[in-house]
Amino acid sequence: MPAGKQSETTRDPIDPNFRFYKPTHPKTDRECKHPKRGWSWPLKQDKSQPERGSFETLDKDHRIVWGLNEKKTPQLKKFLHEVDTQVSKSVVMDYTDGEKQLTELIGTTNSFPNPKPTTLISRFILQTADEGEWVMDFTGGSGTTAHAVAEAFHTDRVRRKFFLVEAADYFDTTLVPRVKRVFAATSWKKGKPVALNGPGLFCKVSTLEQYEEAISSAVYQDEAPDFFRNTKTNPYARYVFFRDMKQARALELDYVRDEVNVHLNRLYPDIDLAETLSCVTGKWIKRITAEEVEFADGSKQSLTKPDWELIKPLIFWGPVV
């Protein structure tokens, strides 16, 4: 049976494994709703499997919470010692000093204005994010969210993924150094690690080309009089988008072999070509060598002579039509 798919017996009212029953409300004597995916236990106890439990045995043990009437679906009562994750409180009070914590980590004062305490953010992460899930922060700031993900891992040993976005200068001065340090050690004092006991994880750092950078490398080409007469194209789009001339610096034409050689390092220093190809193709990386990158599906791309047709959209802006 495929993972996540319920057995057909759960929907058969005659089968003992039937899970879509409607229990009778103890006060109104009317049928209550069942959960959308059915109950986790059968209605009656299976004598051959006494450890399995049933709705009736749970109700006798006062483990079922009934609503005021049959319109509310009954719920299972759980005790704190039975819950793996943290239980959210109605009022959260956190007096941790986020600025002091960041100062001890970075080693300098006033590196970022009013950083949030990681204890507060990690509390939210522990309550909401499970194994393998993403924690996203589109205003990354000083990197508190990434730091909190690492703290949460030390608490419950659950691996989560994080995604941070930041456009200010402290992305390089504070955020990235902070992420590197918390992966190396959990405790810091005046910019020095107390012990190298961090999770030792890796993360990817990507930089998007700024619009102003593209404009500075572009040349506007007026195609009048066809500019306004051609009704099949969008004049506004043809006016806004330019011919991007930076390709002239990145490409080398080999007329003898009839090839186009791509040199992305002429555009950006220390470019991660393997990661770039992974993003362009949408494929996960399996292995990287000095000559090529191999993806999870078995396909390969050269790192010494990348495919021109594959790279072309990254280094050429044409008119949108």
Protein backbone atom coordinates (compact mmCIF):
# COMPACT_ATOMS: atom_id res chain seq x y z
CA MET A 1 0.00 0.00 0.00
CA PRO A 2 1.52 3.40 -0.99
CA ALA A 3 2.73 5.61 1.86
CA GLY A 4 0.03 7.96 3.16
CA LYS A 5 -2.84 5.99 1.56
CA GLN A 6 -5.46 4.50 3.85
CA SER A 7 -6.58 0.91 3.60
CA GLU A 8 -9.93 0.36 1.88
CA THR A 9 -11.14 -1.40 5.04
CA THR A 10 -11.18 1.93 6.90
CA ARG A 11 -14.15 3.03 4.77
CA ASP A 12 -16.08 -0.22 4.96
CA PRO A 13 -18.80 0.10 7.66
CA ILE A 14 -18.97 -3.71 7.98
CA ASP A 15 -15.23 -4.18 8.55
CA PRO A 16 -13.86 -4.03 12.15
CA ASN A 17 -11.20 -1.60 10.85
CA PHE A 18 -13.85 1.00 9.89
CA ARG A 19 -12.58 4.46 10.89
CA PHE A 20 -15.24 6.86 9.57
CA TYR A 21 -17.84 6.15 12.24
CA LYS A 22 -19.86 8.91 13.90
CA PRO A 23 -19.91 8.53 17.69
CA THR A 24 -23.04 9.48 19.62
CA HIS A 25 -22.79 12.62 21.74
CA PRO A 26 -23.30 11.72 25.44
CA LYS A 27 -25.72 14.65 26.07
CA THR A 28 -27.64 15.18 22.84
CA ASP A 29 -27.72 11.51 21.74
CA ARG A 30 -27.00 12.66 18.19
CA GLU A 31 -24.19 11.61 15.86
CA CYS A 32 -21.03 13.71 15.92
CA LYS A 33 -18.77 14.40 12.96
CA HIS A 34 -15.72 12.29 12.27
CA PRO A 35 -12.31 13.80 11.37
CA LYS A 36 -11.73 14.37 7.66
CA ARG A 37 -9.31 11.44 7.43
CA GLY A 38 -11.18 9.25 9.87
CA TRP A 39 -10.26 8.15 13.39
CA SER A 40 -6.94 6.61 14.37
CA TRP A 41 -8.65 3.70 16.13
CA PRO A 42 -11.68 1.46 15.46
CA LEU A 43 -14.91 2.11 17.33
CA LYS A 44 -14.87 -1.10 19.36
CA GLN A 45 -12.02 -2.99 20.97
CA ASP A 46 -10.52 -5.85 18.93
CA LYS A 47 -10.12 -8.70 21.41
CA SER A 48 -7.34 -10.24 19.33
CA GLN A 49 -5.36 -6.95 19.59
CA PRO A 50 -6.01 -5.53 23.09
CA GLU A 51 -3.03 -3.16 22.87
CA ARG A 52 -4.50 -1.44 19.83
CA GLY A 53 -7.13 0.56 21.72
CA SER A 54 -10.50 1.82 20.52
CA PHE A 55 -12.73 4.87 20.71
CA GLU A 56 -14.92 3.24 23.34
CA THR A 57 -11.98 2.32 25.62
CA LEU A 58 -10.55 5.81 25.31
CA ASP A 59 -13.92 7.32 26.20
CA LYS A 60 -14.23 5.08 29.28
CA ASP A 61 -10.75 6.26 30.31
CA HIS A 62 -11.96 9.90 30.01
CA ARG A 63 -9.53 10.52 27.15
CA ILE A 64 -12.15 11.90 24.74
CA VAL A 65 -13.04 15.62 24.88
CA TRP A 66 -16.65 16.17 23.76
CA GLY A 67 -18.02 19.48 22.52
CA LEU A 68 -21.11 21.19 23.93
CA ASN A 69 -23.14 19.44 21.24
CA GLU A 70 -22.77 17.08 18.30
CA LYS A 71 -21.66 19.84 15.91
CA LYS A 72 -18.07 19.75 17.24
CA THR A 73 -15.83 16.77 16.40
CA PRO A 74 -14.66 14.99 19.57
CA GLN A 75 -10.93 15.20 20.24
CA LEU A 76 -8.35 13.00 21.94
CA LYS A 77 -7.01 14.30 25.26
CA LYS A 78 -3.20 14.15 25.54
CA PHE A 79 -1.02 14.77 28.59
CA LEU A 80 2.25 16.72 28.55
CA HIS A 81 4.39 13.62 29.09
CA GLU A 82 2.84 12.09 25.96
CA VAL A 83 3.68 15.02 23.66
CA ASP A 84 7.03 15.01 21.83
CA THR A 85 6.94 18.62 20.67
CA GLN A 86 6.66 21.73 22.83
CA VAL A 87 3.20 22.92 23.77
CA SER A 88 2.51 26.54 22.89
CA LYS A 89 1.68 28.90 25.75
CA SER A 90 -0.97 31.61 25.64
CA VAL A 91 1.56 34.23 26.78
CA VAL A 92 5.23 34.04 25.80
CA MET A 93 7.67 36.00 27.94
CA ASP A 94 11.30 36.04 26.81
CA TYR A 95 13.86 38.31 28.44
CA THR A 96 16.87 37.03 26.50
CA ASP A 97 19.10 39.82 25.21
CA GLY A 98 19.52 39.27 21.48
CA GLU A 99 22.06 42.09 21.14
CA LYS A 100 24.29 40.66 23.88
CA GLN A 101 24.11 37.23 22.28
CA LEU A 102 25.12 38.60 18.87
CA THR A 103 27.98 40.64 20.39
CA GLU A 104 29.46 37.55 22.06
CA LEU A 105 29.17 35.66 18.77
CA ILE A 106 30.59 38.29 16.39
CA GLY A 107 32.99 39.91 18.84
CA THR A 108 31.96 43.50 18.09
CA THR A 109 29.21 45.73 19.50
CA ASN A 110 26.41 47.37 17.48
CA SER A 111 26.88 45.04 14.50
CA PHE A 112 23.11 45.00 13.99
CA PRO A 113 20.32 47.14 15.53
CA ASN A 114 17.96 45.31 17.91
CA PRO A 115 18.45 41.66 16.88
CA LYS A 116 15.72 39.25 18.04
CA PRO A 117 16.67 36.63 20.66
CA THR A 118 17.17 33.15 19.21
CA THR A 119 15.39 31.59 22.21
CA LEU A 120 12.12 33.17 21.07
CA ILE A 121 12.45 32.15 17.41
CA SER A 122 13.64 28.63 18.20
CA ARG A 123 10.55 28.18 20.41
CA PHE A 124 8.33 28.88 17.37
CA ILE A 125 10.42 26.53 15.21
CA LEU A 126 10.16 23.67 17.71
CA GLN A 127 6.39 24.10 17.82
CA THR A 128 5.72 24.33 14.08
CA ALA A 129 8.47 22.78 11.90
CA ASP A 130 8.96 19.03 11.59
CA GLU A 131 11.77 16.90 10.09
CA GLY A 132 12.87 18.12 6.66
CA GLU A 133 10.54 21.13 6.58
CA TRP A 134 11.58 24.64 5.52
CA VAL A 135 11.93 27.63 7.85
CA MET A 136 11.88 30.78 5.70
CA ASP A 137 12.75 34.37 6.60
CA PHE A 138 12.53 36.90 3.77
CA THR A 139 13.98 39.68 5.91
CA GLY A 140 17.01 37.77 7.15
CA GLY A 141 18.53 40.67 9.11
CA SER A 142 21.38 39.47 11.30
CA GLY A 143 20.60 35.78 10.70
CA THR A 144 18.65 35.10 13.89
CA THR A 145 16.38 32.60 12.13
CA ALA A 146 19.30 30.48 10.89
CA HIS A 147 20.83 30.61 14.37
CA ALA A 148 17.49 29.54 15.87
CA VAL A 149 17.25 26.57 13.49
CA ALA A 150 20.66 25.40 14.76
CA GLU A 151 19.52 25.86 18.37
CA ALA A 152 16.35 23.88 17.70
CA PHE A 153 18.45 21.05 16.26
CA HIS A 154 20.46 20.86 19.48
CA THR A 155 17.19 20.63 21.42
CA ASP A 156 15.33 17.87 19.56
CA ARG A 157 17.93 16.60 17.02
CA VAL A 158 15.46 17.21 14.18
CA ARG A 159 17.03 18.40 10.93
CA ARG A 160 15.22 21.29 9.30
CA LYS A 161 16.05 23.42 6.26
CA PHE A 162 16.20 27.21 6.31
CA PHE A 163 16.02 29.90 3.63
CA LEU A 164 17.03 33.51 4.33
CA VAL A 165 16.87 36.57 2.07
CA GLU A 166 18.58 39.89 2.76
CA ALA A 167 19.55 42.85 0.57
CA ALA A 168 21.39 45.14 3.02
CA ASP A 169 25.17 45.33 3.50
CA TYR A 170 25.07 43.36 6.75
CA PHE A 171 24.34 40.25 4.70
CA ASP A 172 28.11 39.97 4.22
CA THR A 173 29.23 41.67 7.43
CA THR A 174 26.90 39.97 9.94
CA LEU A 175 24.49 37.38 8.54
CA VAL A 176 26.90 35.08 6.69
CA PRO A 177 29.62 35.18 9.41
CA ARG A 178 26.97 34.41 12.02
CA VAL A 179 25.66 31.36 10.14
CA LYS A 180 29.19 30.03 9.70
CA ARG A 181 29.97 30.43 13.38
CA VAL A 182 26.83 28.81 14.80
CA PHE A 183 27.45 25.81 12.55
CA ALA A 184 30.90 25.48 14.10
CA ALA A 185 30.09 26.07 17.78
CA THR A 186 27.04 26.58 19.97
CA SER A 187 28.69 28.84 22.57
CA TRP A 188 30.82 31.95 21.90
CA LYS A 189 32.61 34.47 24.11
CA LYS A 190 33.94 37.76 22.71
CA GLY A 191 34.03 36.32 19.21
CA LYS A 192 35.82 33.11 20.21
CA PRO A 193 34.22 29.64 20.33
CA VAL A 194 33.95 28.03 23.76
CA ALA A 195 33.96 24.57 22.16
CA LEU A 196 33.70 23.35 18.56
CA ASN A 197 30.50 21.41 19.12
CA GLY A 198 28.26 22.81 16.38
CA PRO A 199 26.26 20.70 13.90
CA GLY A 200 28.92 21.22 11.20
CA LEU A 201 26.40 21.82 8.44
CA PHE A 202 26.86 23.36 5.01
CA CYS A 203 24.69 26.05 3.45
CA LYS A 204 24.47 27.64 0.01
CA VAL A 205 24.95 31.38 -0.46
CA SER A 206 23.54 32.86 -3.67
CA THR A 207 23.74 36.42 -4.96
CA LEU A 208 21.26 37.75 -7.50
CA GLU A 209 22.40 40.21 -10.13
CA GLN A 210 21.10 43.67 -9.37
CA TYR A 211 18.91 45.42 -11.94
CA GLU A 212 21.29 48.38 -11.88
CA GLU A 213 24.21 46.09 -12.74
CA ALA A 214 22.35 44.75 -15.75
CA ILE A 215 21.43 48.24 -16.93
CA SER A 216 25.05 49.39 -16.69
CA SER A 217 26.04 46.59 -19.07
CA ALA A 218 23.21 47.20 -21.52
CA VAL A 219 22.82 49.26 -24.69
CA TYR A 220 19.41 50.49 -25.82
CA GLN A 221 18.63 49.82 -29.49
CA ASP A 222 15.73 51.76 -30.98
CA GLU A 223 14.04 49.74 -33.71
CA ALA A 224 11.86 52.56 -35.03
CA PRO A 225 9.74 52.90 -37.09
CA ASP A 226 8.76 49.27 -36.41
CA PHE A 227 8.78 50.04 -32.70
CA PHE A 228 5.18 51.33 -32.64
CA ARG A 229 3.85 49.79 -35.84
CA ASN A 230 4.40 46.15 -34.93
CA THR A 231 1.14 45.22 -33.21
CA LYS A 232 2.34 41.68 -32.43
CA THR A 233 4.73 42.86 -29.73
CA ASN A 234 4.42 44.86 -26.53
CA PRO A 235 5.97 48.34 -27.10
CA TYR A 236 6.41 48.91 -23.37
CA ALA A 237 8.32 45.68 -22.90
CA ARG A 238 10.48 46.42 -25.95
CA TYR A 239 11.32 49.81 -24.47
CA VAL A 240 12.15 48.65 -20.94
CA PHE A 241 14.34 45.64 -21.77
CA PHE A 242 17.70 46.18 -23.39
CA ARG A 243 20.29 44.22 -25.30
CA ASP A 244 22.68 43.05 -22.59
CA MET A 245 26.28 43.55 -23.74
CA LYS A 246 27.98 41.73 -20.88
CA GLN A 247 27.83 38.55 -22.95
CA ALA A 248 30.68 39.97 -24.99
CA ARG A 249 32.95 39.64 -21.95
CA ALA A 250 31.76 36.16 -21.03
CA LEU A 251 31.88 34.47 -24.43
CA GLU A 252 34.70 33.40 -26.68
CA LEU A 253 33.95 32.30 -30.25
CA ASP A 254 36.05 29.48 -31.69
CA TYR A 255 35.56 29.82 -35.44
CA VAL A 256 37.85 26.88 -36.24
CA ARG A 257 35.85 24.38 -34.18
CA ASP A 258 32.57 26.27 -34.57
CA GLU A 259 32.13 26.42 -30.80
CA VAL A 260 31.14 28.96 -28.18
CA ASN A 261 33.27 28.92 -25.04
CA VAL A 262 31.68 30.32 -21.88
CA HIS A 263 33.80 32.06 -19.22
CA LEU A 264 31.42 33.06 -16.43
CA ASN A 265 34.37 33.96 -14.18
CA ARG A 266 34.84 37.03 -16.36
CA LEU A 267 31.45 38.25 -15.15
CA TYR A 268 31.59 37.27 -11.49
CA PRO A 269 34.58 36.12 -9.45
CA ASP A 270 34.44 32.70 -7.75
CA ILE A 271 31.19 31.71 -9.44
CA ASP A 272 29.85 28.29 -8.41
CA LEU A 273 29.24 26.80 -11.84
CA ALA A 274 28.05 23.43 -10.52
CA GLU A 275 25.43 25.11 -8.36
CA THR A 276 24.48 27.37 -11.25
CA LEU A 277 23.90 24.39 -13.54
CA SER A 278 21.88 22.72 -10.79
CA CYS A 279 19.60 25.75 -10.53
CA VAL A 280 19.23 26.09 -14.31
CA THR A 281 18.35 22.42 -14.86
CA GLY A 282 16.35 22.00 -11.67
CA LYS A 283 18.30 18.86 -10.76
CA TRP A 284 19.94 17.84 -7.48
CA ILE A 285 23.71 17.37 -7.50
CA LYS A 286 25.00 13.86 -6.87
CA ARG A 287 28.75 14.28 -7.46
CA ILE A 288 31.21 17.01 -8.47
CA THR A 289 34.65 16.55 -10.01
CA ALA A 290 37.10 19.04 -11.50
CA GLU A 291 35.73 18.34 -14.98
CA GLU A 292 32.00 17.77 -14.56
CA VAL A 293 28.96 17.71 -12.32
CA GLU A 294 26.74 14.63 -12.13
CA PHE A 295 23.08 15.01 -11.20
CA ALA A 296 20.78 12.68 -9.30
CA ASP A 297 19.13 11.44 -12.50
CA GLY A 298 22.49 10.32 -13.93
CA SER A 299 22.91 13.17 -16.42
CA LYS A 300 26.16 15.16 -16.50
CA GLN A 301 27.31 18.64 -17.46
CA SER A 302 30.84 19.79 -18.19
CA LEU A 303 32.41 22.35 -15.85
CA THR A 304 35.30 23.09 -18.19
CA LYS A 305 33.16 23.65 -21.31
CA PRO A 306 29.59 24.32 -20.15
CA ASP A 307 26.76 24.06 -22.67
CA TRP A 308 26.29 27.44 -24.31
CA GLU A 309 22.56 26.93 -24.89
CA LEU A 310 22.09 26.08 -21.21
CA ILE A 311 24.02 29.10 -19.93
CA LYS A 312 22.76 31.63 -22.46
CA PRO A 313 19.66 32.80 -20.51
CA LEU A 314 21.88 33.78 -17.57
CA ILE A 315 24.04 36.22 -19.50
CA PHE A 316 21.68 37.67 -22.10
CA TRP A 317 18.73 39.98 -21.74
CA GLY A 318 16.67 40.36 -24.88
CA PRO A 319 13.36 42.12 -25.56
CA VAL A 320 10.26 40.54 -24.05
CA VAL A 321 7.79 39.90 -26.89
